[in-house]
Amino acid sequence: RLADPDLRGIVVTSRDITERKALQARLWHQAHHDPLTGLPNRTLLMERLAQALGQPRPGSEGAAASLLFLDFDRFKRVNDRLGHDAGDVLLMAAARRLAGCIRPGDFMARYGGDEFAVLLAAATDREEAFTVADRLVADMALPFDIEGHDVTITVCVGIVVSPEITERSDLLRAADAAHYRAKATGKGAIAIFDPVRDRMSLERRHGPNQPTLSEPGAILADGW
């Protein structure tokens, strides 16, 4: 019974904490993942880079992060010849294949367009990084079945493994410079960042007159 005779009842208002947390989790996921491929996006990559660069490398006094930067050689022709829907199908299939190539502890994100980045486990050295990149190149060279067409693409990979780099933007610029040199070498090429060899590329691509890479078309094995 209610102690106050004038009090007719009590209204209890409660928030469904579980539902609110679920909503927050969905919003966080949407903000940090690519809607097409489901992979982490550039925002989450930048957060992971900050974490990696802030952690001491095992056996070393400083922090280090090893990064691969890659894109598809001749991807644009798929969009031009088969349409953008087919291009999206290819991106999703390629993302799944790429994800199957990396090791436990590695982190892959879609950087934008047909560009992807792989943040390697903290203990990765140059040889290990090259092994991962070589696996990516080999697996991605296998044909994709896209709407009944055998589509063959290749990837070029830039690698940076440098304990001296402590800023996210510098790490990305270095990986991009190595990637640019790999693309200049030819389809399916891999290049490891070298501050001397890539100095001019850094100045060109990240200076005031940054050039735009051309993007020739993909090889469609059935004659498209």
Protein backbone atom coordinates (compact mmCIF):
# COMPACT_ATOMS: atom_id res chain seq x y z
CA ARG A 1 0.00 0.00 0.00
CA LEU A 2 1.07 3.61 -0.62
CA ALA A 3 1.86 5.53 2.54
CA ASP A 4 0.44 8.77 1.11
CA PRO A 5 -3.34 8.42 0.51
CA ASP A 6 -3.23 11.27 -2.02
CA LEU A 7 -0.62 9.43 -4.09
CA ARG A 8 -2.44 7.44 -6.78
CA GLY A 9 0.53 5.61 -8.27
CA ILE A 10 4.18 5.68 -9.25
CA VAL A 11 5.48 5.92 -12.80
CA VAL A 12 8.84 4.24 -13.25
CA THR A 13 10.90 5.30 -16.29
CA SER A 14 13.87 3.14 -17.26
CA ARG A 15 16.23 3.17 -20.22
CA ASP A 16 17.04 0.05 -22.02
CA ILE A 17 20.80 0.21 -21.53
CA THR A 18 21.35 -2.84 -23.69
CA GLU A 19 19.52 -1.28 -26.63
CA ARG A 20 21.39 1.98 -26.24
CA LYS A 21 24.76 0.21 -26.18
CA ALA A 22 23.78 -1.80 -29.24
CA LEU A 23 22.91 1.41 -31.07
CA GLN A 24 26.22 2.97 -30.07
CA ALA A 25 28.05 -0.11 -31.33
CA ARG A 26 26.24 0.05 -34.67
CA LEU A 27 27.02 3.73 -35.08
CA TRP A 28 30.68 3.13 -34.23
CA HIS A 29 30.88 0.30 -36.73
CA GLN A 30 29.31 2.42 -39.47
CA ALA A 31 31.77 5.23 -38.79
CA HIS A 32 34.80 2.93 -38.87
CA HIS A 33 34.01 0.42 -41.63
CA ASP A 34 33.60 0.56 -45.39
CA PRO A 35 29.97 -0.11 -46.34
CA LEU A 36 30.84 -1.96 -49.56
CA THR A 37 33.52 -4.41 -48.43
CA GLY A 38 32.86 -4.44 -44.70
CA LEU A 39 36.55 -3.81 -44.07
CA PRO A 40 37.87 -1.19 -41.66
CA ASN A 41 38.02 2.22 -43.33
CA ARG A 42 40.62 4.99 -43.40
CA THR A 43 39.41 6.43 -40.10
CA LEU A 44 40.02 3.18 -38.23
CA LEU A 45 43.33 2.69 -40.05
CA MET A 46 44.55 6.05 -38.78
CA GLU A 47 43.56 5.10 -35.24
CA ARG A 48 45.42 1.80 -35.50
CA LEU A 49 48.48 3.53 -36.93
CA ALA A 50 48.51 5.90 -33.97
CA GLN A 51 48.34 2.95 -31.60
CA ALA A 52 51.10 1.06 -33.43
CA LEU A 53 53.43 4.05 -33.51
CA GLY A 54 52.83 4.66 -29.82
CA GLN A 55 53.89 1.17 -28.75
CA PRO A 56 57.54 0.14 -28.30
CA ARG A 57 58.66 -2.51 -30.73
CA PRO A 58 59.75 -5.77 -29.05
CA GLY A 59 63.52 -5.79 -28.67
CA SER A 60 63.80 -2.10 -29.52
CA GLU A 61 63.73 1.15 -27.60
CA GLY A 62 61.50 2.87 -30.13
CA ALA A 63 58.16 2.32 -31.76
CA ALA A 64 57.74 1.05 -35.28
CA ALA A 65 55.00 0.11 -37.69
CA SER A 66 55.23 -1.87 -40.91
CA LEU A 67 52.76 -0.87 -43.60
CA LEU A 68 51.82 -2.20 -47.03
CA PHE A 69 50.01 0.06 -49.48
CA LEU A 70 48.50 -1.41 -52.63
CA ASP A 71 46.02 -0.91 -55.41
CA PHE A 72 44.80 -2.86 -58.41
CA ASP A 73 46.58 -2.50 -61.73
CA ARG A 74 44.14 -1.79 -64.54
CA PHE A 75 40.98 -1.77 -62.47
CA LYS A 76 39.18 1.05 -64.26
CA ARG A 77 38.45 -1.00 -67.38
CA VAL A 78 36.18 -3.31 -65.37
CA ASN A 79 33.99 -0.31 -64.59
CA ASP A 80 34.23 0.95 -68.17
CA ARG A 81 33.46 -2.36 -69.86
CA LEU A 82 31.28 -4.25 -67.39
CA GLY A 83 29.77 -1.37 -65.42
CA HIS A 84 30.15 -0.01 -61.91
CA ASP A 85 28.07 -2.79 -60.38
CA ALA A 86 30.56 -5.32 -61.71
CA GLY A 87 33.36 -3.15 -60.36
CA ASP A 88 31.76 -3.26 -56.92
CA VAL A 89 31.44 -7.05 -57.15
CA LEU A 90 35.13 -7.25 -58.01
CA LEU A 91 36.08 -4.99 -55.09
CA MET A 92 34.13 -7.16 -52.66
CA ALA A 93 35.64 -10.37 -54.03
CA ALA A 94 39.13 -8.89 -54.02
CA ALA A 95 38.72 -7.66 -50.44
CA ARG A 96 37.76 -11.15 -49.31
CA ARG A 97 40.76 -12.64 -51.08
CA LEU A 98 43.12 -10.05 -49.64
CA ALA A 99 41.79 -10.69 -46.14
CA GLY A 100 42.58 -14.37 -46.60
CA CYS A 101 46.22 -13.58 -47.38
CA ILE A 102 47.17 -11.70 -44.24
CA ARG A 103 48.31 -13.24 -40.96
CA PRO A 104 46.67 -13.21 -37.54
CA GLY A 105 47.60 -9.92 -35.94
CA ASP A 106 47.78 -8.02 -39.23
CA PHE A 107 45.17 -5.32 -39.91
CA MET A 108 43.74 -4.50 -43.34
CA ALA A 109 41.67 -1.48 -44.34
CA ARG A 110 40.15 -0.08 -47.50
CA TYR A 111 41.90 3.25 -47.92
CA GLY A 112 39.67 4.46 -50.73
CA GLY A 113 38.64 3.46 -54.25
CA ASP A 114 40.71 0.41 -55.14
CA GLU A 115 43.43 1.27 -52.61
CA PHE A 116 44.04 -0.91 -49.56
CA ALA A 117 46.48 -0.75 -46.67
CA VAL A 118 47.78 -3.54 -44.46
CA LEU A 119 49.27 -2.69 -41.08
CA LEU A 120 51.51 -5.61 -40.21
CA ALA A 121 52.10 -7.10 -36.78
CA ALA A 122 54.55 -5.13 -34.65
CA ALA A 123 57.42 -7.62 -34.89
CA THR A 124 57.38 -7.74 -38.70
CA ASP A 125 60.75 -7.13 -40.36
CA ARG A 126 61.51 -6.35 -44.01
CA GLU A 127 61.78 -10.01 -45.02
CA GLU A 128 58.46 -10.92 -43.39
CA ALA A 129 56.79 -7.88 -44.92
CA PHE A 130 58.03 -8.85 -48.37
CA THR A 131 56.74 -12.41 -47.86
CA VAL A 132 53.25 -11.09 -47.04
CA ALA A 133 53.34 -8.74 -50.04
CA ASP A 134 54.50 -11.53 -52.34
CA ARG A 135 51.60 -13.70 -51.19
CA LEU A 136 49.17 -10.86 -51.90
CA VAL A 137 50.56 -10.38 -55.40
CA ALA A 138 50.45 -14.10 -56.21
CA ASP A 139 46.91 -14.70 -54.93
CA MET A 140 45.47 -11.58 -56.52
CA ALA A 141 46.82 -12.61 -59.94
CA LEU A 142 44.37 -15.54 -60.02
CA PRO A 143 41.26 -14.84 -62.15
CA PHE A 144 37.98 -13.65 -60.63
CA ASP A 145 34.61 -14.80 -61.92
CA ILE A 146 32.69 -11.55 -62.26
CA GLU A 147 29.19 -11.97 -63.66
CA GLY A 148 30.30 -14.83 -65.87
CA HIS A 149 33.53 -13.17 -67.03
CA ASP A 150 37.03 -14.27 -66.05
CA VAL A 151 38.65 -11.04 -64.88
CA THR A 152 42.36 -10.93 -64.13
CA ILE A 153 43.85 -8.07 -62.16
CA THR A 154 47.20 -7.60 -60.49
CA VAL A 155 48.34 -5.49 -57.58
CA CYS A 156 51.39 -3.35 -56.95
CA VAL A 157 52.57 -3.11 -53.36
CA GLY A 158 54.62 -0.50 -51.55
CA ILE A 159 56.23 -1.50 -48.25
CA VAL A 160 57.59 0.65 -45.46
CA VAL A 161 59.40 -0.82 -42.45
CA SER A 162 61.17 1.98 -40.64
CA PRO A 163 61.64 2.44 -36.88
CA GLU A 164 62.67 6.05 -37.56
CA ILE A 165 59.20 7.04 -38.79
CA THR A 166 57.03 8.11 -35.87
CA GLU A 167 54.19 10.06 -37.54
CA ARG A 168 51.18 8.52 -39.28
CA SER A 169 51.29 10.94 -42.18
CA ASP A 170 54.99 10.26 -42.77
CA LEU A 171 54.42 6.51 -42.70
CA LEU A 172 51.60 6.76 -45.24
CA ARG A 173 53.64 9.05 -47.49
CA ALA A 174 56.56 6.62 -47.39
CA ALA A 175 54.32 3.65 -48.22
CA ASP A 176 52.72 5.62 -51.05
CA ALA A 177 56.12 6.58 -52.46
CA ALA A 178 57.23 2.94 -52.47
CA HIS A 179 53.92 1.97 -54.07
CA TYR A 180 54.40 4.61 -56.76
CA ARG A 181 57.84 3.20 -57.57
CA ALA A 182 56.38 -0.32 -57.71
CA LYS A 183 53.73 0.81 -60.22
CA ALA A 184 56.41 2.44 -62.35
CA THR A 185 58.27 -0.88 -62.41
CA GLY A 186 55.37 -2.84 -63.84
CA LYS A 187 52.28 -4.90 -63.04
CA GLY A 188 52.49 -7.06 -59.94
CA ALA A 189 55.61 -5.29 -58.65
CA ILE A 190 56.70 -4.84 -55.03
CA ALA A 191 58.92 -2.04 -53.73
CA ILE A 192 60.31 -1.40 -50.25
CA PHE A 193 60.63 2.24 -49.24
CA ASP A 194 64.11 3.67 -49.57
CA PRO A 195 64.55 7.27 -48.39
CA VAL A 196 67.19 7.94 -51.04
CA ARG A 197 65.53 6.28 -54.04
CA ASP A 198 62.07 7.56 -53.13
CA ARG A 199 63.02 11.12 -52.21
CA MET A 200 62.06 12.53 -55.59
CA SER A 201 58.78 10.61 -55.59
CA LEU A 202 57.93 12.00 -52.16
CA GLU A 203 58.58 15.53 -53.35
CA ARG A 204 56.54 15.07 -56.51
CA ARG A 205 53.55 13.27 -55.04
CA HIS A 206 53.24 15.28 -51.85
CA GLY A 207 54.40 18.67 -53.04
CA PRO A 208 52.23 21.50 -54.40
CA ASN A 209 52.16 20.02 -57.91
CA GLN A 210 51.27 16.43 -57.03
CA PRO A 211 50.76 14.38 -60.22
CA THR A 212 47.83 12.10 -60.84
CA LEU A 213 48.53 8.45 -61.59
CA SER A 214 47.00 7.14 -64.77
CA GLU A 215 44.94 3.99 -64.37
CA PRO A 216 44.90 1.77 -67.48
CA GLY A 217 42.34 -0.98 -67.88
CA ALA A 218 42.12 -4.52 -66.51
CA ILE A 219 42.66 -7.70 -68.47
CA LEU A 220 39.44 -9.57 -69.19
CA ALA A 221 40.50 -13.11 -70.04
CA ASP A 222 37.43 -13.82 -72.16
CA GLY A 223 38.28 -11.08 -74.62
CA TRP A 224 36.39 -8.03 -73.30
